[in-house]
Amino acid sequence: MRLSHVFTKTKKDSPKDETSLNAQLLIKAGYVHKEMAGVYSLLPFGLKVNEKIKTVIRTHMDKIGGQEIHMSALQNPEIWKASNRWDDKVVDNWFKTKLKNDTELGLGFTHEEAITSMLKQHVNSYVDLPVFTYQFQQKFRNELRAKSGLMRGREFEMKDLYSFCKTEDEQKAFFEKAKEAYVSIYKNLGLGNSVYVTYASGGVFSKYSIEFQAISDAGEDTIYVDEEKKIAINKEIFSDEICAEFGIDPKKVVEKKSIEVGNIFNLGTRFADALELTYTDDKNQSQKVWMGSYGIGIGRLIGTIAELYADDAGLVWPKEVAPYQVIVVALQDDREVQDEAEKIYLALQKNGTEVLFHDKKGQVGEKLATADMLGIPTQIIVSKKALTEGKFEIKDRKTKQVTYKTFFDIVEGDLRG
C-alpha cells in the first residue's frame, strides 16, 4: 500500500471532546473515525489491526473445538422474557426499537438467550453434545457514560463463545481449556506480560468468574496482584478468605489499576432451564444442558494495546497486530531517493512482506513524525546520506534502535525480528 493512495490522513489534533488517550492516538493516526461518544468506525489501518486480532482469536477458538457462526443482532423479546433479562430494571443498558407494525425488538448486548434458543433445534440426544459455538458480532450497550474511547463503546465487536455440555464436570473441563486458550491469545497478541488471570464475582451463575485484566493506569478496575503466582483478585471480592482459598498471602499482593480485556463464565443450567433446552441421555432420561460463555471485545483490545504501547510520538504496535510490518519512508523528495525507496518497497512487496510506502511529499521532520505516529514496527528510511554508502537506515519503532543494511540484506533477510 502507498500512503498517497490511502484516503485517510493523520491529524495534529484529536476531537476536543475526546478525553481518552487510546481514541486520541487512533484518531490522530487515522485508524478510527469518531461518530459520536462511544461509537467509532474503523478506517483501513484500524480494520487491518482488527482483523489481525480476530485471526489470532479464531485460531485458538478453532483449536479447542469451536465452530464459528454468525447470529443476528436483532433480538426476539420473548426469549429474553423467558430468562427475565428483557426488563430494563434487570438489564439497564438495552437498546430497543420497534418494527413498523409496532413489534418491539432489541439489539443484542450478548447472545446467551439467542444461541440457547437456536440449539433447541439441533440438540436432542447425548450424541449431539458437547457443542462449542462462537461468533464475531456487533454488540450494542446503552452505556450511561462512554468516555474511555474504544474501551467502553455503545457499539462494538465482540467474540463470544458458548459451550453446551452434558454434565457439570464436562463443562468445567472445557472452561479450563478455554482459560488456557485465552492466556495463549494474549501472549500471541503481544500482551502476555501485561495480562493477569483474575478471579472475580460469578454473579448469579457461579461462585467465581475469570477475568483477564491488563495492567494500566487507564483502567476502570482495581485488582490485587500476586506477581509470583501471576494471578489476581478483583477488588469486588477481595478478602482474606478468598486469598486463603487461592493460596495467596494478602500482605504480598499489589494493588493495581487494570483494563478488563476478556471474561469467561460457568453459567450452570440457568439459560437451558429458562428456555427448556434438554437432551436425552443413554438411558433415555431427560437431562439438563450445562453452559458457559466466553467473551473478548475486539475494539477494547485495540484500545488497550494503543494505551499500553504508545509513547510521546504516537502508536507503537506489537508486530503481531500491526497493520503493516514495515514502512518505507522516502526522506527527501528528489528523484534518486524516490527511485530507491520505490525499488525497496516493490522488492519487499514481492517477497510477501506487509509493507507501507510513505511516498507523500513533505518536510523531513513531518515524514518522520508520520511514520512514528502510525506505529509500524520497522521503519526503512531512505535518505541521500545513507545512499552514498549504498545502505538504508533501519529503525525499530519500539526500541528506537537504528542499524544500516544493504538492499540485499533487507530483501533476503527477515525484518520482522
Protein backbone atom coordinates (compact mmCIF):
# COMPACT_ATOMS: atom_id res chain seq x y z
CA MET A 1 0.00 0.00 0.00
CA ARG A 2 1.15 3.52 -0.84
CA LEU A 3 0.34 6.17 1.74
CA SER A 4 -0.58 8.54 -1.10
CA HIS A 5 -3.40 6.14 -2.06
CA VAL A 6 -4.92 5.93 1.43
CA PHE A 7 -7.89 8.29 1.77
CA THR A 8 -7.34 8.86 5.48
CA LYS A 9 -4.90 11.40 6.82
CA THR A 10 -3.00 11.81 10.05
CA LYS A 11 -4.07 14.77 12.19
CA LYS A 12 -2.27 17.12 14.53
CA ASP A 13 -5.22 17.23 16.93
CA SER A 14 -7.98 14.89 18.05
CA PRO A 15 -11.62 15.92 18.68
CA LYS A 16 -11.93 18.37 21.56
CA ASP A 17 -14.49 16.17 23.30
CA GLU A 18 -12.20 13.09 23.22
CA THR A 19 -10.59 12.59 26.61
CA SER A 20 -9.25 9.04 26.32
CA LEU A 21 -5.65 8.51 25.23
CA ASN A 22 -6.39 5.43 23.11
CA ALA A 23 -9.00 7.20 20.99
CA GLN A 24 -6.85 10.33 20.68
CA LEU A 25 -3.94 8.27 19.34
CA LEU A 26 -6.07 6.20 16.98
CA ILE A 27 -7.94 9.20 15.59
CA LYS A 28 -4.80 11.28 15.08
CA ALA A 29 -3.07 8.41 13.28
CA GLY A 30 -6.10 7.81 11.05
CA TYR A 31 -7.04 4.37 12.37
CA VAL A 32 -10.57 5.20 13.52
CA HIS A 33 -13.23 7.85 12.99
CA LYS A 34 -15.34 9.03 15.89
CA GLU A 35 -19.04 9.06 15.01
CA MET A 36 -20.25 10.10 18.46
CA ALA A 37 -19.49 9.32 22.10
CA GLY A 38 -18.85 5.58 22.41
CA VAL A 39 -19.21 4.92 18.67
CA TYR A 40 -16.18 4.57 16.37
CA SER A 41 -15.79 3.50 12.75
CA LEU A 42 -12.71 1.56 11.68
CA LEU A 43 -10.70 3.11 8.86
CA PRO A 44 -8.42 0.98 6.61
CA PHE A 45 -5.48 0.74 9.02
CA GLY A 46 -7.77 0.21 12.00
CA LEU A 47 -9.63 -2.54 10.19
CA LYS A 48 -6.36 -4.33 9.43
CA VAL A 49 -5.46 -4.31 13.14
CA ASN A 50 -8.98 -5.50 13.97
CA GLU A 51 -8.71 -8.43 11.54
CA LYS A 52 -5.23 -9.39 12.80
CA ILE A 53 -6.65 -9.68 16.32
CA LYS A 54 -9.60 -11.73 15.09
CA THR A 55 -7.28 -14.11 13.24
CA VAL A 56 -5.36 -14.84 16.44
CA ILE A 57 -8.57 -15.37 18.40
CA ARG A 58 -10.14 -17.52 15.68
CA THR A 59 -7.10 -19.79 15.60
CA HIS A 60 -7.36 -20.54 19.31
CA MET A 61 -11.14 -20.93 19.32
CA ASP A 62 -10.89 -23.46 16.49
CA LYS A 63 -8.10 -25.27 18.31
CA ILE A 64 -10.34 -26.02 21.32
CA GLY A 65 -13.20 -27.23 19.12
CA GLY A 66 -15.12 -24.01 18.49
CA GLN A 67 -17.38 -23.80 15.45
CA GLU A 68 -17.84 -20.31 14.03
CA ILE A 69 -21.30 -18.98 13.29
CA HIS A 70 -22.83 -15.53 12.84
CA MET A 71 -26.08 -14.53 14.53
CA SER A 72 -28.45 -11.62 14.10
CA ALA A 73 -28.05 -8.52 16.26
CA LEU A 74 -31.87 -8.16 16.29
CA GLN A 75 -33.35 -9.93 19.30
CA ASN A 76 -36.74 -11.53 19.90
CA PRO A 77 -38.12 -10.19 23.22
CA GLU A 78 -39.88 -13.48 24.04
CA ILE A 79 -36.71 -15.48 24.65
CA TRP A 80 -35.32 -12.70 26.83
CA LYS A 81 -38.54 -12.55 28.81
CA ALA A 82 -38.14 -16.27 29.49
CA SER A 83 -34.78 -15.60 31.18
CA ASN A 84 -36.06 -12.41 32.88
CA ARG A 85 -33.49 -10.22 31.12
CA TRP A 86 -35.83 -8.17 28.92
CA ASP A 87 -36.97 -5.92 31.76
CA ASP A 88 -35.00 -2.64 31.86
CA LYS A 89 -34.99 -2.90 35.64
CA VAL A 90 -32.95 -6.11 35.33
CA VAL A 91 -30.76 -5.09 32.37
CA ASP A 92 -30.40 -1.32 32.23
CA ASN A 93 -28.33 -0.95 29.04
CA TRP A 94 -30.69 -2.29 26.37
CA PHE A 95 -31.09 -0.61 23.02
CA LYS A 96 -34.67 -1.32 21.96
CA THR A 97 -36.52 -0.47 18.79
CA LYS A 98 -39.82 -1.21 17.01
CA LEU A 99 -40.83 -2.55 13.63
CA LYS A 100 -43.38 -0.64 11.55
CA ASN A 101 -46.09 -2.98 12.85
CA ASP A 102 -45.20 -1.84 16.40
CA THR A 103 -43.46 -5.12 17.31
CA GLU A 104 -40.68 -4.42 19.79
CA LEU A 105 -37.15 -5.76 19.19
CA GLY A 106 -33.83 -5.49 20.98
CA LEU A 107 -30.27 -5.01 19.75
CA GLY A 108 -28.20 -7.75 21.33
CA PHE A 109 -25.76 -6.83 24.10
CA THR A 110 -24.85 -10.53 24.39
CA HIS A 111 -26.29 -13.75 22.90
CA GLU A 112 -26.84 -16.40 25.60
CA GLU A 113 -30.61 -16.47 25.09
CA ALA A 114 -30.43 -16.42 21.31
CA ILE A 115 -27.88 -19.23 20.99
CA THR A 116 -29.71 -21.37 23.57
CA SER A 117 -32.96 -20.95 21.66
CA MET A 118 -31.18 -21.89 18.42
CA LEU A 119 -29.65 -25.03 19.96
CA LYS A 120 -33.13 -26.34 20.80
CA GLN A 121 -33.46 -27.07 17.08
CA HIS A 122 -30.21 -29.03 16.96
CA VAL A 123 -29.71 -30.80 20.30
CA ASN A 124 -31.87 -33.78 21.21
CA SER A 125 -29.63 -36.62 22.31
CA TYR A 126 -26.40 -37.04 24.26
CA VAL A 127 -24.67 -37.78 20.94
CA ASP A 128 -25.33 -34.14 19.94
CA LEU A 129 -23.22 -32.80 22.80
CA PRO A 130 -20.90 -31.14 23.58
CA VAL A 131 -21.27 -28.13 21.27
CA PHE A 132 -18.95 -25.11 21.25
CA THR A 133 -20.14 -22.23 19.05
CA TYR A 134 -18.59 -18.81 18.68
CA GLN A 135 -19.04 -15.68 16.62
CA PHE A 136 -17.68 -12.21 15.95
CA GLN A 137 -20.69 -9.98 16.35
CA GLN A 138 -21.61 -6.32 16.82
CA LYS A 139 -22.97 -5.70 20.31
CA PHE A 140 -24.99 -2.73 21.49
CA ARG A 141 -24.94 -1.42 25.03
CA ASN A 142 -26.71 1.75 26.12
CA GLU A 143 -23.94 2.87 28.46
CA LEU A 144 -24.69 5.86 30.68
CA ARG A 145 -21.11 7.09 30.20
CA ALA A 146 -18.82 6.35 27.29
CA LYS A 147 -15.63 8.24 28.00
CA SER A 148 -12.95 5.56 27.69
CA GLY A 149 -12.60 5.57 23.93
CA LEU A 150 -12.62 2.13 22.34
CA MET A 151 -12.50 0.50 25.76
CA ARG A 152 -16.15 1.25 26.56
CA GLY A 153 -18.29 1.55 23.48
CA ARG A 154 -22.01 1.73 22.86
CA GLU A 155 -21.49 -0.34 19.73
CA PHE A 156 -18.55 -2.74 19.46
CA GLU A 157 -17.46 -6.06 18.01
CA MET A 158 -17.12 -8.99 20.38
CA LYS A 159 -16.02 -12.57 20.10
CA ASP A 160 -18.50 -14.57 22.14
CA LEU A 161 -18.22 -18.33 22.53
CA TYR A 162 -20.85 -20.52 24.18
CA SER A 163 -20.32 -24.07 25.42
CA PHE A 164 -23.10 -26.65 25.79
CA CYS A 165 -22.15 -29.76 27.77
CA LYS A 166 -23.78 -32.92 29.09
CA THR A 167 -22.54 -32.63 32.66
CA GLU A 168 -21.12 -30.12 35.08
CA ASP A 169 -17.75 -31.89 35.02
CA GLU A 170 -17.64 -31.75 31.22
CA GLN A 171 -18.43 -28.04 31.36
CA LYS A 172 -15.75 -27.36 33.98
CA ALA A 173 -13.17 -29.25 31.90
CA PHE A 174 -13.94 -27.13 28.83
CA PHE A 175 -13.84 -23.98 30.96
CA GLU A 176 -10.24 -24.76 31.88
CA LYS A 177 -9.36 -25.35 28.22
CA ALA A 178 -10.92 -22.01 27.33
CA LYS A 179 -8.96 -20.27 30.11
CA GLU A 180 -5.69 -21.63 28.73
CA ALA A 181 -6.71 -20.62 25.22
CA TYR A 182 -7.31 -17.05 26.41
CA VAL A 183 -3.88 -16.93 28.06
CA SER A 184 -2.37 -18.04 24.74
CA ILE A 185 -4.36 -15.42 22.83
CA TYR A 186 -2.99 -12.56 24.91
CA LYS A 187 0.55 -13.89 24.54
CA ASN A 188 0.11 -14.10 20.76
CA LEU A 189 -1.18 -10.51 20.70
CA GLY A 190 1.93 -9.26 22.45
CA LEU A 191 0.10 -8.70 25.76
CA GLY A 192 1.33 -11.75 27.66
CA ASN A 193 3.32 -9.97 30.37
CA SER A 194 0.60 -7.37 30.98
CA VAL A 195 -2.47 -9.61 31.42
CA TYR A 196 -3.37 -11.44 34.63
CA VAL A 197 -5.87 -14.23 35.18
CA THR A 198 -8.16 -12.54 37.70
CA TYR A 199 -10.79 -14.10 39.94
CA ALA A 200 -13.99 -12.08 40.08
CA SER A 201 -17.62 -12.46 41.04
CA GLY A 202 -19.57 -15.13 39.18
CA GLY A 203 -22.80 -13.25 39.84
CA VAL A 204 -25.87 -15.46 39.81
CA PHE A 205 -24.09 -18.06 37.68
CA SER A 206 -21.25 -19.42 39.81
CA LYS A 207 -19.03 -18.63 42.78
CA TYR A 208 -16.35 -17.10 40.57
CA SER A 209 -15.80 -15.95 37.04
CA ILE A 210 -12.44 -15.42 35.42
CA GLU A 211 -11.48 -12.01 34.08
CA PHE A 212 -8.37 -11.23 32.10
CA GLN A 213 -7.06 -7.90 33.31
CA ALA A 214 -4.34 -5.83 31.60
CA ILE A 215 -2.37 -3.60 33.96
CA SER A 216 -2.89 0.05 33.02
CA ASP A 217 -3.43 3.34 34.81
CA ALA A 218 -6.21 3.98 32.28
CA GLY A 219 -8.20 1.03 33.61
CA GLU A 220 -11.56 1.24 35.36
CA ASP A 221 -10.94 -1.83 37.54
CA THR A 222 -8.83 -2.33 40.64
CA ILE A 223 -7.19 -5.70 41.18
CA TYR A 224 -4.85 -7.20 43.76
CA VAL A 225 -1.98 -8.98 42.06
CA ASP A 226 0.15 -11.85 43.28
CA GLU A 227 3.11 -11.26 41.00
CA GLU A 228 4.79 -14.53 41.94
CA LYS A 229 1.77 -16.70 41.13
CA LYS A 230 0.76 -14.48 38.17
CA ILE A 231 -2.87 -14.36 39.32
CA ALA A 232 -5.04 -11.58 40.71
CA ILE A 233 -8.29 -10.99 42.59
CA ASN A 234 -10.76 -8.28 41.67
CA LYS A 235 -11.34 -5.70 44.39
CA GLU A 236 -15.06 -6.50 44.38
CA ILE A 237 -14.44 -9.90 46.00
CA PHE A 238 -11.04 -9.39 47.65
CA SER A 239 -10.84 -10.69 51.23
CA ASP A 240 -8.54 -12.74 53.47
CA GLU A 241 -10.87 -15.69 52.95
CA ILE A 242 -10.56 -15.50 49.15
CA CYS A 243 -6.79 -15.16 49.42
CA ALA A 244 -6.62 -18.28 51.56
CA GLU A 245 -8.67 -20.21 49.02
CA PHE A 246 -6.13 -19.46 46.29
CA GLY A 247 -3.02 -19.73 48.48
CA ILE A 248 -2.26 -16.01 48.31
CA ASP A 249 -0.65 -14.03 51.12
CA PRO A 250 -2.79 -10.84 51.36
CA LYS A 251 0.24 -8.95 52.68
CA LYS A 252 2.18 -9.63 49.48
CA VAL A 253 -0.38 -8.57 46.89
CA VAL A 254 -0.01 -5.33 44.96
CA GLU A 255 -2.95 -3.07 44.17
CA LYS A 256 -3.10 -2.07 40.52
CA LYS A 257 -5.43 -0.38 38.06
CA SER A 258 -6.39 -2.54 35.12
CA ILE A 259 -8.44 -2.92 31.95
CA GLU A 260 -10.66 -5.98 31.57
CA VAL A 261 -9.81 -7.49 28.18
CA GLY A 262 -11.88 -10.67 28.44
CA ASN A 263 -14.02 -12.77 30.75
CA ILE A 264 -15.32 -16.32 30.99
CA PHE A 265 -18.26 -17.69 32.99
CA ASN A 266 -19.59 -21.06 34.03
CA LEU A 267 -23.33 -20.49 33.54
CA GLY A 268 -24.67 -23.68 35.05
CA THR A 269 -28.12 -24.59 33.70
CA ARG A 270 -29.79 -21.20 34.11
CA PHE A 271 -30.38 -20.45 30.42
CA ALA A 272 -31.07 -24.05 29.47
CA ASP A 273 -33.70 -24.19 32.22
CA ALA A 274 -35.30 -20.89 31.23
CA LEU A 275 -35.52 -21.84 27.55
CA GLU A 276 -36.14 -25.58 28.12
CA LEU A 277 -33.02 -26.89 26.42
CA THR A 278 -32.58 -30.53 27.42
CA TYR A 279 -31.16 -33.73 25.96
CA THR A 280 -31.91 -37.43 26.30
CA ASP A 281 -29.07 -39.46 27.86
CA ASP A 282 -28.01 -43.01 27.04
CA LYS A 283 -30.66 -44.33 29.45
CA ASN A 284 -33.36 -42.37 27.64
CA GLN A 285 -33.70 -39.93 30.55
CA SER A 286 -34.13 -36.18 30.06
CA GLN A 287 -31.16 -34.19 31.35
CA LYS A 288 -30.18 -30.55 31.74
CA VAL A 289 -27.60 -28.91 29.49
CA TRP A 290 -24.67 -27.16 31.21
CA MET A 291 -23.38 -23.93 29.70
CA GLY A 292 -20.52 -21.47 29.72
CA SER A 293 -19.87 -18.14 27.98
CA TYR A 294 -16.57 -16.59 26.94
CA GLY A 295 -16.18 -13.01 25.70
CA ILE A 296 -13.46 -10.79 24.24
CA GLY A 297 -14.15 -7.26 22.98
CA ILE A 298 -12.11 -6.63 19.83
CA GLY A 299 -12.27 -2.83 19.99
CA ARG A 300 -11.39 -2.94 23.66
CA LEU A 301 -8.25 -4.90 22.78
CA ILE A 302 -7.31 -2.34 20.13
CA GLY A 303 -7.76 0.47 22.64
CA THR A 304 -5.84 -1.40 25.34
CA ILE A 305 -2.87 -2.11 23.07
CA ALA A 306 -2.87 1.53 21.98
CA GLU A 307 -2.81 2.68 25.62
CA LEU A 308 -0.13 0.24 26.76
CA TYR A 309 2.39 0.61 23.97
CA ALA A 310 2.18 4.25 22.90
CA ASP A 311 4.94 6.75 23.50
CA ASP A 312 5.20 10.54 23.10
CA ALA A 313 5.49 10.18 19.31
CA GLY A 314 2.37 8.05 18.82
CA LEU A 315 1.30 4.43 18.49
CA VAL A 316 3.71 1.50 18.90
CA TRP A 317 2.08 -1.69 17.61
CA PRO A 318 3.38 -5.13 18.57
CA LYS A 319 4.36 -6.90 15.36
CA GLU A 320 1.59 -9.46 15.90
CA VAL A 321 -1.20 -6.92 15.30
CA ALA A 322 0.44 -4.13 13.31
CA PRO A 323 -1.36 -3.24 10.06
CA TYR A 324 2.00 -3.49 8.26
CA GLN A 325 5.31 -4.90 9.41
CA VAL A 326 7.43 -2.34 7.56
CA ILE A 327 7.05 1.27 6.46
CA VAL A 328 9.41 2.61 3.78
CA VAL A 329 9.98 6.37 4.12
CA ALA A 330 11.46 8.35 1.22
CA LEU A 331 13.06 11.04 3.33
CA GLN A 332 13.83 13.54 0.58
CA ASP A 333 11.70 14.33 -2.45
CA ASP A 334 14.45 14.14 -5.09
CA ARG A 335 14.42 11.52 -7.83
CA GLU A 336 17.27 9.27 -6.55
CA VAL A 337 15.73 8.85 -3.09
CA GLN A 338 12.25 8.30 -4.51
CA ASP A 339 13.52 5.70 -7.00
CA GLU A 340 15.49 3.76 -4.39
CA ALA A 341 12.55 3.85 -1.97
CA GLU A 342 10.27 2.57 -4.74
CA LYS A 343 12.75 -0.20 -5.52
CA ILE A 344 12.96 -1.45 -1.91
CA TYR A 345 9.18 -1.15 -1.49
CA LEU A 346 8.45 -3.28 -4.58
CA ALA A 347 11.08 -5.87 -3.61
CA LEU A 348 9.63 -6.28 -0.10
CA GLN A 349 6.12 -6.46 -1.50
CA LYS A 350 7.23 -9.18 -3.91
CA ASN A 351 8.72 -11.33 -1.15
CA GLY A 352 5.49 -11.20 0.84
CA THR A 353 6.37 -8.57 3.43
CA GLU A 354 3.44 -6.46 4.64
CA VAL A 355 4.83 -3.07 3.65
CA LEU A 356 3.52 0.50 3.53
CA PHE A 357 5.30 3.08 1.33
CA HIS A 358 5.31 6.63 2.70
CA ASP A 359 5.61 8.21 -0.75
CA LYS A 360 4.00 11.56 0.06
CA LYS A 361 5.95 14.76 -0.47
CA GLY A 362 6.72 16.89 2.54
CA GLN A 363 9.29 18.10 5.03
CA VAL A 364 11.74 15.59 6.52
CA GLY A 365 10.51 16.13 10.08
CA GLU A 366 6.89 15.76 9.02
CA LYS A 367 7.59 12.46 7.26
CA LEU A 368 9.42 11.01 10.24
CA ALA A 369 6.68 12.19 12.61
CA THR A 370 4.02 10.50 10.47
CA ALA A 371 5.96 7.22 10.45
CA ASP A 372 6.30 7.33 14.23
CA MET A 373 2.64 8.23 14.73
CA LEU A 374 1.48 5.23 12.68
CA GLY A 375 3.37 2.86 14.98
CA ILE A 376 4.51 0.32 12.37
CA PRO A 377 7.24 -1.88 13.94
CA THR A 378 10.07 -1.41 11.40
CA GLN A 379 10.94 1.76 9.52
CA ILE A 380 13.19 1.74 6.45
CA ILE A 381 14.32 5.32 5.97
CA VAL A 382 15.74 6.05 2.54
CA SER A 383 17.99 9.12 2.69
CA LYS A 384 20.57 10.76 0.46
CA LYS A 385 23.22 10.42 3.18
CA ALA A 386 22.81 6.65 3.67
CA LEU A 387 22.56 6.01 -0.06
CA THR A 388 26.04 7.45 -0.59
CA GLU A 389 27.26 4.34 1.26
CA GLY A 390 24.82 2.03 -0.54
CA LYS A 391 22.76 1.46 2.61
CA PHE A 392 19.32 2.06 4.10
CA GLU A 393 18.55 3.18 7.66
CA ILE A 394 16.53 0.62 9.65
CA LYS A 395 14.77 1.93 12.76
CA ASP A 396 12.95 -0.20 15.31
CA ARG A 397 9.86 1.79 16.29
CA LYS A 398 9.72 0.34 19.81
CA THR A 399 13.37 0.47 20.87
CA LYS A 400 14.34 3.33 18.51
CA GLN A 401 17.50 1.36 17.73
CA VAL A 402 18.98 2.25 14.31
CA THR A 403 21.03 -0.03 12.07
CA TYR A 404 22.14 0.21 8.44
CA LYS A 405 21.67 -2.51 5.85
CA THR A 406 22.24 -3.02 2.15
CA PHE A 407 19.44 -3.68 -0.32
CA PHE A 408 20.35 -7.38 -0.45
CA ASP A 409 20.41 -7.76 3.34
CA ILE A 410 16.95 -6.21 3.64
CA VAL A 411 15.26 -8.17 0.86
CA GLU A 412 16.85 -11.52 1.69
CA GLY A 413 16.65 -11.11 5.48
CA ASP A 414 13.77 -11.05 7.94
CA LEU A 415 12.87 -7.58 9.18
CA ARG A 416 10.17 -8.89 11.50
CA GLY A 417 12.62 -9.89 14.24
